[in-house]
Structure formats: structure tokens, C-alpha cells
Protein backbone atom coordinates (compact mmCIF):
# COMPACT_ATOMS: atom_id res chain seq x y z
CA MET A 1 88.37 93.91 77.79
CA TYR A 2 87.89 89.88 77.23
CA LYS A 3 84.74 88.57 78.23
CA SER A 4 86.44 85.81 79.72
CA LEU A 5 88.55 87.95 82.24
CA GLN A 6 85.32 90.06 83.12
CA ALA A 7 83.43 86.66 84.27
CA SER A 8 86.48 85.70 86.34
CA ARG A 9 86.71 88.93 88.01
CA ALA A 10 83.23 88.48 89.23
CA ILE A 11 83.99 84.96 90.46
CA ALA A 12 87.12 86.32 92.57
CA ALA A 13 84.91 89.25 93.81
CA ILE A 14 82.41 86.99 94.82
CA LEU A 15 84.84 84.47 96.60
CA VAL A 16 86.06 87.51 99.10
CA VAL A 17 82.15 88.37 99.80
CA LEU A 18 81.44 84.73 100.96
CA LEU A 19 84.82 84.58 102.95
CA HIS A 20 83.50 87.42 104.79
CA LEU A 21 79.92 86.42 104.96
CA GLY A 22 80.93 83.44 106.52
CA GLY A 23 83.12 85.04 108.88
CA ALA A 24 80.48 87.39 110.12
CA ILE A 25 78.04 84.51 110.32
CA ALA A 26 80.26 82.38 112.48
CA SER A 27 81.47 85.43 114.34
CA GLU A 28 80.11 85.17 118.30
CA LYS A 29 78.69 88.71 117.93
CA TYR A 30 76.43 87.47 115.71
CA PHE A 31 75.32 83.97 114.92
CA GLY A 32 78.37 82.30 116.45
CA ILE A 33 77.82 79.25 114.10
CA SER A 34 81.52 78.69 113.49
CA ALA A 35 80.70 75.96 110.52
CA PHE A 36 79.79 78.94 108.14
CA SER A 37 83.13 80.12 107.81
CA VAL A 38 84.43 76.86 106.87
CA PRO A 39 83.25 76.47 103.43
CA PHE A 40 84.84 79.59 101.82
CA SER A 41 87.69 79.99 104.08
CA PHE A 42 89.91 80.01 100.95
CA GLY A 43 88.10 83.07 99.92
CA GLY A 44 91.17 85.30 100.18
CA SER A 45 92.60 83.60 97.24
CA GLY A 46 89.98 86.04 95.17
CA VAL A 47 92.50 88.94 96.38
CA SER A 48 95.58 87.38 94.58
CA PHE A 49 93.48 87.39 91.06
CA PHE A 50 93.08 90.58 91.39
CA PHE A 51 96.42 91.49 91.53
CA VAL A 52 97.42 89.37 88.78
CA LEU A 53 94.66 90.66 86.58
CA SER A 54 95.44 93.83 87.62
CA GLY A 55 99.28 93.45 86.10
CA PHE A 56 97.94 91.75 82.97
CA ILE A 57 95.46 94.49 82.26
CA ILE A 58 98.11 97.44 82.98
CA LEU A 59 100.64 96.01 80.61
CA THR A 60 98.26 94.91 78.00
CA VAL A 61 96.62 98.37 77.98
CA HIS A 62 99.69 100.39 78.35
CA ARG A 63 102.60 98.43 76.90
CA LYS A 64 102.77 101.21 74.07
CA ASP A 65 103.02 104.01 76.44
CA ILE A 66 106.64 102.50 78.01
CA CYS A 67 108.99 105.33 77.61
CA ARG A 68 106.67 107.70 75.97
CA PRO A 69 106.22 110.41 78.61
CA ARG A 70 103.83 112.09 76.22
CA MET A 71 101.35 109.21 77.24
CA LEU A 72 101.69 109.98 81.07
CA ALA A 73 98.83 112.36 81.54
CA SER A 74 96.56 109.90 79.67
CA TYR A 75 97.83 106.96 81.84
CA ILE A 76 97.50 108.86 85.02
CA LYS A 77 94.00 110.13 84.13
CA LYS A 78 92.62 106.55 83.49
CA ARG A 79 94.46 104.74 86.58
CA LEU A 80 93.14 107.49 89.21
CA ILE A 81 89.47 107.38 87.66
CA ARG A 82 89.53 103.43 87.89
CA ILE A 83 90.76 103.62 91.49
CA TYR A 84 89.64 106.85 93.33
CA PRO A 85 85.91 107.92 92.50
CA THR A 86 84.13 104.65 93.36
CA TYR A 87 86.26 104.54 96.40
CA TRP A 88 85.51 108.04 97.64
CA MET A 89 82.24 107.55 96.95
CA ILE A 90 81.73 104.28 99.14
CA PHE A 91 84.27 105.12 101.80
CA LEU A 92 82.86 109.02 102.70
CA SER A 93 79.09 107.19 102.62
CA VAL A 94 80.25 104.61 104.95
CA PHE A 95 82.18 107.26 107.23
CA PHE A 96 79.27 109.99 107.36
CA ILE A 97 76.93 107.12 108.09
CA ALA A 98 79.01 105.95 111.00
CA ILE A 99 79.56 109.21 112.22
CA LEU A 100 75.83 110.44 112.34
CA SER A 101 75.17 106.90 113.94
CA ARG A 102 75.41 106.87 117.79
CA SER A 103 76.14 103.21 117.71
CA LEU A 104 78.60 103.04 115.09
CA ARG A 105 80.31 106.36 115.82
CA ASN A 106 83.21 104.58 117.59
CA THR A 107 84.20 102.41 114.17
CA VAL A 108 85.46 105.08 112.33
CA PRO A 109 88.50 107.47 112.90
CA HIS A 110 88.39 110.50 114.27
CA ASP A 111 91.70 111.85 113.24
CA ILE A 112 91.44 114.14 110.24
CA PHE A 113 94.62 113.26 109.32
CA LEU A 114 93.85 109.69 109.32
CA VAL A 115 91.31 109.62 107.52
CA PHE A 116 92.97 111.89 104.46
CA LYS A 117 95.80 109.44 104.53
CA SER A 118 93.11 106.54 104.02
CA LEU A 119 91.36 108.55 101.57
CA ILE A 120 94.42 108.84 98.99
CA LEU A 121 95.56 105.28 100.30
CA ILE A 122 98.81 105.94 101.64
CA PRO A 123 100.15 102.85 103.25
CA GLN A 124 99.82 102.73 106.89
CA ASN A 125 101.82 101.14 109.83
CA ASN A 126 98.73 98.93 110.83
CA ASN A 127 99.82 95.23 110.99
CA ALA A 128 97.39 93.43 113.20
CA VAL A 129 96.85 90.83 110.56
CA GLY A 130 99.44 90.94 108.69
CA VAL A 131 98.57 93.32 105.97
CA PRO A 132 98.28 97.48 106.52
CA LEU A 133 94.80 98.05 106.99
CA VAL A 134 92.65 101.19 105.91
CA PRO A 135 90.29 102.67 108.29
CA VAL A 136 86.46 102.47 107.18
CA ILE A 137 87.16 100.48 104.19
CA GLY A 138 89.31 97.67 105.80
CA VAL A 139 89.30 95.93 101.97
CA ALA A 140 91.18 98.80 100.34
CA TRP A 141 94.54 97.46 102.19
CA SER A 142 94.90 96.06 98.46
CA LEU A 143 94.12 99.28 96.80
CA GLN A 144 97.39 100.80 98.33
CA TYR A 145 99.60 97.87 96.28
CA GLU A 146 97.61 98.94 93.40
CA ILE A 147 98.75 102.28 93.84
CA ALA A 148 102.24 101.37 94.42
CA PHE A 149 102.25 99.36 90.93
CA TYR A 150 100.50 102.14 89.24
CA LEU A 151 103.51 104.52 90.38
CA PHE A 152 106.27 101.64 89.15
CA PHE A 153 104.30 101.84 85.75
CA THR A 154 104.70 105.53 85.94
CA LEU A 155 108.41 105.31 85.97
CA LEU A 156 108.43 102.60 83.26
CA ILE A 157 106.52 105.34 80.87
CA ILE A 158 108.71 108.55 81.94
CA ASN A 159 111.94 106.61 81.28
CA ARG A 160 113.08 103.08 81.52
CA TRP A 161 116.05 102.99 82.90
CA ILE A 162 114.56 104.72 86.23
CA SER A 163 112.05 101.81 86.38
CA ILE A 164 114.71 99.26 85.82
CA ILE A 165 117.10 100.64 88.75
CA SER A 166 113.76 100.74 91.00
CA GLY A 167 112.92 97.16 89.85
CA LEU A 168 116.41 95.81 90.97
CA VAL A 169 115.96 97.76 94.18
CA MET A 170 112.85 96.05 94.76
CA LEU A 171 114.32 92.46 93.97
CA TYR A 172 117.41 93.20 96.42
CA LEU A 173 114.84 94.28 99.16
CA PHE A 174 112.61 90.72 98.40
CA ILE A 175 115.55 88.83 98.35
CA ASN A 176 117.14 89.98 101.76
CA TYR A 177 114.09 90.44 103.91
CA ALA A 178 111.34 88.74 102.24
CA GLY A 179 110.04 86.27 105.00
CA VAL A 180 111.85 87.92 107.74
CA PRO A 181 109.39 87.72 111.08
CA SER A 182 108.48 91.42 112.64
CA LEU A 183 110.05 93.27 109.62
CA SER A 184 109.45 97.04 110.46
CA PHE A 185 106.95 99.06 108.15
CA PRO A 186 107.20 100.17 105.42
CA LEU A 187 109.76 97.73 104.43
CA SER A 188 107.07 95.09 105.31
CA PHE A 189 105.04 96.59 102.77
CA PHE A 190 107.22 96.38 100.01
CA VAL A 191 108.60 92.90 100.14
CA SER A 192 105.22 91.65 100.22
CA ASP A 193 104.31 88.48 98.10
CA TYR A 194 101.33 90.69 96.87
CA ILE A 195 104.03 92.86 94.91
CA VAL A 196 105.60 89.65 93.20
CA LEU A 197 102.07 88.90 91.86
CA PHE A 198 102.38 92.12 89.74
CA ALA A 199 105.82 90.98 88.09
CA ILE A 200 104.39 87.59 87.74
CA GLU A 201 101.30 88.84 85.73
CA MET A 202 103.23 91.23 83.66
CA ALA A 203 105.46 88.20 82.62
CA THR A 204 102.11 86.55 81.74
CA SER A 205 101.37 89.11 79.54
CA ILE A 206 104.55 89.08 77.66
CA ILE A 207 104.10 85.56 77.15
CA CYS A 208 100.41 86.00 76.00
CA THR A 209 101.06 88.29 73.35
CA SER A 210 104.28 86.78 72.38
CA ARG A 211 103.85 84.80 68.90
CA LYS A 212 106.86 82.32 69.72
CA VAL A 213 104.86 80.80 72.87
CA ILE A 214 102.27 78.59 70.96
CA VAL A 215 99.36 76.62 72.73
CA ASN A 216 97.21 74.23 70.65
CA ARG A 217 94.67 73.40 73.90
CA PRO A 218 94.82 76.89 75.90
CA ILE A 219 91.87 74.94 77.67
CA SER A 220 94.07 72.62 79.18
CA CYS A 221 96.00 75.60 81.02
CA ILE A 222 92.86 76.46 82.47
CA TYR A 223 92.24 73.01 83.81
CA ILE A 224 95.74 72.84 85.23
CA GLY A 225 95.49 76.38 86.93
CA VAL A 226 92.11 75.17 88.49
CA ILE A 227 93.37 71.96 89.74
CA MET A 228 96.37 73.62 91.30
CA PHE A 229 93.81 76.36 92.68
CA LEU A 230 91.72 73.81 94.31
CA LEU A 231 94.91 71.92 95.80
CA ILE A 232 95.90 75.11 97.72
CA ALA A 233 92.41 75.43 98.61
CA MET A 234 91.90 71.85 100.06
CA ASP A 235 95.26 72.70 102.05
CA ARG A 236 93.66 75.35 103.83
CA LEU A 237 90.12 73.80 103.95
CA LEU A 238 91.47 71.12 105.66
CA ASN A 239 93.94 72.86 108.14
CA ILE A 240 96.76 70.83 106.89
CA ASN A 241 98.29 74.39 106.41
CA MET A 242 101.65 73.03 104.64
CA LEU A 243 101.58 75.62 101.92
CA TYR A 244 100.63 78.59 104.28
CA GLU A 245 103.48 80.67 104.05
CA ARG A 246 103.41 80.89 100.05
CA TYR A 247 99.28 80.81 99.58
CA THR A 248 99.48 84.37 98.17
CA ILE A 249 102.13 83.60 95.47
CA LEU A 250 100.74 79.89 94.82
CA TYR A 251 97.51 81.42 94.26
CA GLY A 252 98.95 84.15 92.01
CA MET A 253 100.73 81.17 90.12
CA ALA A 254 97.57 79.23 89.62
CA SER A 255 95.66 82.82 88.92
CA SER A 256 97.80 83.21 85.93
CA LEU A 257 97.72 79.79 84.38
CA ILE A 258 94.17 80.39 84.46
CA LEU A 259 94.26 83.84 83.26
CA PHE A 260 96.90 82.57 80.27
CA GLY A 261 94.47 79.84 79.30
CA LEU A 262 91.25 82.04 79.08
CA VAL A 263 93.12 84.66 77.07
CA ARG A 264 94.52 82.40 74.51
CA ALA A 265 90.96 80.58 74.49
CA GLU A 266 89.39 83.91 73.80
CA ASP A 267 91.73 84.36 71.28
CA LYS A 268 90.89 81.24 69.20
CA GLY A 269 86.98 82.30 69.68
CA GLN A 270 86.47 80.31 72.58
CA ILE A 271 84.74 82.51 75.38
CA ILE A 272 84.14 81.29 78.58
CA GLY A 273 81.55 83.07 80.88
CA ARG A 274 80.08 85.65 78.09
CA HIS A 275 76.81 85.25 79.94
CA ARG A 276 75.32 88.93 80.41
CA TRP A 277 74.59 88.49 84.12
CA LEU A 278 78.11 87.45 84.60
CA GLN A 279 79.32 90.21 82.55
CA ILE A 280 77.48 92.47 84.47
CA LEU A 281 78.66 90.87 87.61
CA GLY A 282 82.49 91.39 86.40
CA ASP A 283 81.54 95.13 85.78
CA SER A 284 80.37 95.40 89.01
CA SER A 285 83.08 93.71 90.84
CA TYR A 286 84.82 96.72 92.07
CA ALA A 287 82.25 98.04 93.58
CA LEU A 288 81.00 94.77 95.01
CA TYR A 289 84.74 94.34 96.47
CA LEU A 290 84.45 97.64 98.19
CA ILE A 291 80.87 97.91 99.59
CA HIS A 292 80.38 94.12 100.79
CA TYR A 293 82.03 94.45 104.01
CA PRO A 294 80.20 97.32 105.72
CA LEU A 295 77.35 95.90 103.92
CA ILE A 296 77.72 92.86 105.38
CA SER A 297 78.02 94.31 109.08
CA ILE A 298 74.89 96.65 108.69
CA LEU A 299 72.84 94.09 107.31
CA CYS A 300 73.92 91.11 110.33
CA LYS A 301 72.83 93.63 112.75
CA VAL A 302 69.52 94.10 110.75
CA SER A 303 69.28 90.25 111.41
CA LEU A 304 69.72 90.33 115.03
CA SER A 305 67.31 93.07 115.26
CA LEU A 306 64.84 90.67 113.51
CA HIS A 307 65.88 87.92 116.01
CA LEU A 308 66.94 85.56 113.46
CA ASN A 309 70.00 84.32 115.34
CA ALA A 310 66.68 82.74 117.88
CA LEU A 311 66.26 80.41 114.86
CA GLY A 312 69.66 78.86 115.09
CA VAL A 313 70.98 77.54 111.91
CA ILE A 314 67.76 78.38 109.80
CA GLY A 315 67.76 81.98 110.68
CA ALA A 316 71.83 82.04 109.96
CA MET A 317 70.97 80.32 106.48
CA ILE A 318 68.18 82.88 105.74
CA SER A 319 70.45 85.53 107.10
CA TYR A 320 73.34 84.19 104.82
CA ILE A 321 71.51 83.76 101.66
CA ALA A 322 69.39 87.41 101.80
CA ILE A 323 72.88 89.41 102.54
CA PHE A 324 74.81 87.44 99.71
CA GLY A 325 71.80 88.54 97.50
CA ALA A 326 71.54 92.01 98.79
CA CYS A 327 75.60 92.40 98.08
CA LEU A 328 75.37 91.37 94.52
CA ILE A 329 72.07 93.60 93.89
CA SER A 330 73.49 96.43 95.86
CA SER A 331 76.86 96.55 93.66
CA VAL A 332 75.17 96.29 90.29
CA ILE A 333 72.82 99.11 91.28
CA PHE A 334 75.37 101.29 92.49
CA HIS A 335 77.46 100.41 89.28
CA LEU A 336 74.89 100.85 87.00
CA ARG A 337 73.10 103.95 88.37
CA ILE A 338 76.09 105.78 89.69
CA GLU A 339 79.81 104.33 89.11
CA GLU A 340 79.23 103.95 85.35
CA PRO A 341 77.75 107.47 84.77
CA VAL A 342 80.57 109.17 86.98
CA MET A 343 83.50 107.00 85.21
CA THR A 344 81.84 107.94 81.65
CA TYR A 345 81.77 111.50 82.61
CA LEU A 346 85.28 111.64 84.08
CA ARG A 347 86.71 109.65 81.16
CA ASN A 348 85.29 112.42 78.52
CA ALA A 349 86.54 115.06 80.70
CA ARG A 350 89.57 117.09 79.32
CA ILE A 351 93.46 116.50 80.57
CA PRO A 352 94.19 119.96 82.25
CA PHE A 353 97.94 119.36 82.02
CA GLN A 354 100.45 117.67 79.64
CA PRO A 355 103.97 116.50 81.42
CA SER A 356 106.27 118.85 79.05
CA SER A 357 108.87 118.66 81.30
CA LEU A 358 109.11 114.89 81.85
CA VAL A 359 109.30 114.68 77.99
CA LYS A 360 112.13 116.81 77.51
CA PHE A 361 113.48 114.49 80.60
CA SER A 362 112.95 111.70 78.66
CA ARG A 363 114.41 112.82 75.49
CA VAL A 364 117.72 114.19 77.46
CA SER A 365 118.13 110.81 79.24
CA ARG A 366 117.93 108.51 76.57
């Protein structure tokens, strides 16, 4: 993994944390100081970066597995380990803490089937805020798209033609239905701009590895991407909202430029963000992404119990800094003490099956 990408992963996760933390402090049920929600109101852009980074990594790491069904078991194992163990540990911890708490019991679903669908990240028909939400760990809606992309890449490994046909179907749906208001589920899920981000970054991965594309100063691509990123953010910060309907794709394009510049620069020996603490935060970014929202909610309640809201802006600032630090520290400890040992154990576990039938199918279909 490129060190510069790990560092940028940390920054993206922090942007999402600051978005939600500012919103919580601004909420009437906590401190009710709306100014805290403004500075990082563009923090959702971090999610767009995660999507493009995921597309880049999957194609870069597994490009040689395309049309090689014998590699499917290895691919599935790596992808499942990357997503589910950490998600399940955090999901179940938050779920059972809520169930055991009288004041939090009604914040989680009691429908076992709904909990099961949330655990395996099946997209659900809940478009209250424009994206399918996941009970308990709300930010896990993005993982539903991640799983959908993993399934598409699975088709690439099984058989190229199946994936091409699937891609053409998706393109047809996007051309005809993207932007249509009040689109019904599940069509609304499959024509989301987030699906496009994976395609953008797969293209970026191909360009990054192409010898025909020569860039003498890759740092300039980073500058252009950052400037583009900031301009989009200013549109949000100043409430101009001229770009509102295309925030996701525009942030994705800016992220792609940044990512392309980082990769090409590191290939030339220019490593940005190599500092150890930033690398650790990058390693912990997935845990931070999943754990921060419930942690913010709990710690805001703790702040109220300590009557910090009575101190006004000063109390809000103390809570803001303390909660932000707690989120970072908790995610690092969770990663080092729990996530990484579990992941290491699972990576070393033997694959229990080989998809021999898929290998035969691929040979017949070539």
C-alpha cells in the first residue's frame, strides 16, 4: 500500500468525523450552537474519497485475477475479511450496549430480520436523507455500495463477458434514470452517483499503471485536485449550492486527481504523509469511520451530564476537542489491540473451498 494513500485515508476519515461532530454539537439536544456545524460541513467529501480509493485499490491489487476463477476464493476471502469482522465487532458492541441501556434501547431495531440484513449489509429501502441507511451504524450505508462493487468485480474474475454485460446494463440504467426524482428502491440504489465513483477510480488505476501516460510533475496534479476540492467545498460553505446536485461526482474527480498525483509522486520517490502517526491513523481509518458516530453520541451525553452545556461556547469547545481526541485514540487502540490481531489471524486461516465449478464454467465460456 502506498504510504501517501494511507495518509490521505486518515485525512478523509477525519473529515467525516469533524462533519458529524460539528453537527452533534450544533444539535439542539446537545449544545445548540449552530456555528460548529459550518467549518467542516463539506466533510462528507471524505466518503467520496473512500469510494475512489477503494476502486483504485481493488483494481490495482486484483487486476491479475481478472478472468482467473481459480483466484476467486482468495479474492472473496480478502474482501470479506476487509469489511465484515471489524464491522460486526463494532455493530454488535453498539447494539448490545444499546439493548442493555434503558435510555438507548429504542434507538436500535428489535426486528431480528432487519438486524440480520444490516449485519450482512443488504441495501434497505430507507431514503429519508437520500441514501439507504443502516440501523445501529448509520455510516455503514457506504459499505452497501462497497459490497455491490465487490460483487461486480467478482464477475470480472469469473468471466469478463458477464461483467461487461452487467456493466452495460448499469450504464443503461444510469443514463436513463440518474437524476430522476423520487426514484423507487432498489433502482435508486443502482443509479446513485456513488456507483460512478468506482468506475472513475478504476479508470484512474488503469491510467496510473499505463506507461503511455507520462507526467513529469505529478505534484501539480495534487495541487489541481486540492484546488478543485476546495472550490467545491467553498460552494458548500458559502451556501451557494450551485454544484449541489453533482457534489459526489465532482469530489470524486478531485479525489482522483489527488490520488493520481500521490501515486505517481510516490513512484518517483516523493512520499507525502510518511510520518508514523499519520500512517497509524490511516491504518485505523476504517475503525474510526465506523466507531466515531456512536462514540460522539455517547460522549455528547456525557458532556451534558457534566453540565458543560452550561458553559456555553467554552463548554462546547471543550467537548468538541475532547470528543475528537477520544474518537482518534479509541480507533487507534481498537485497531492495534483488536482489529489487527483478528485480521492477521483470519488472513492466515486456510481457505476452506476452491470454486472448481466456476473454473470449469470460465474455461467453457472462453
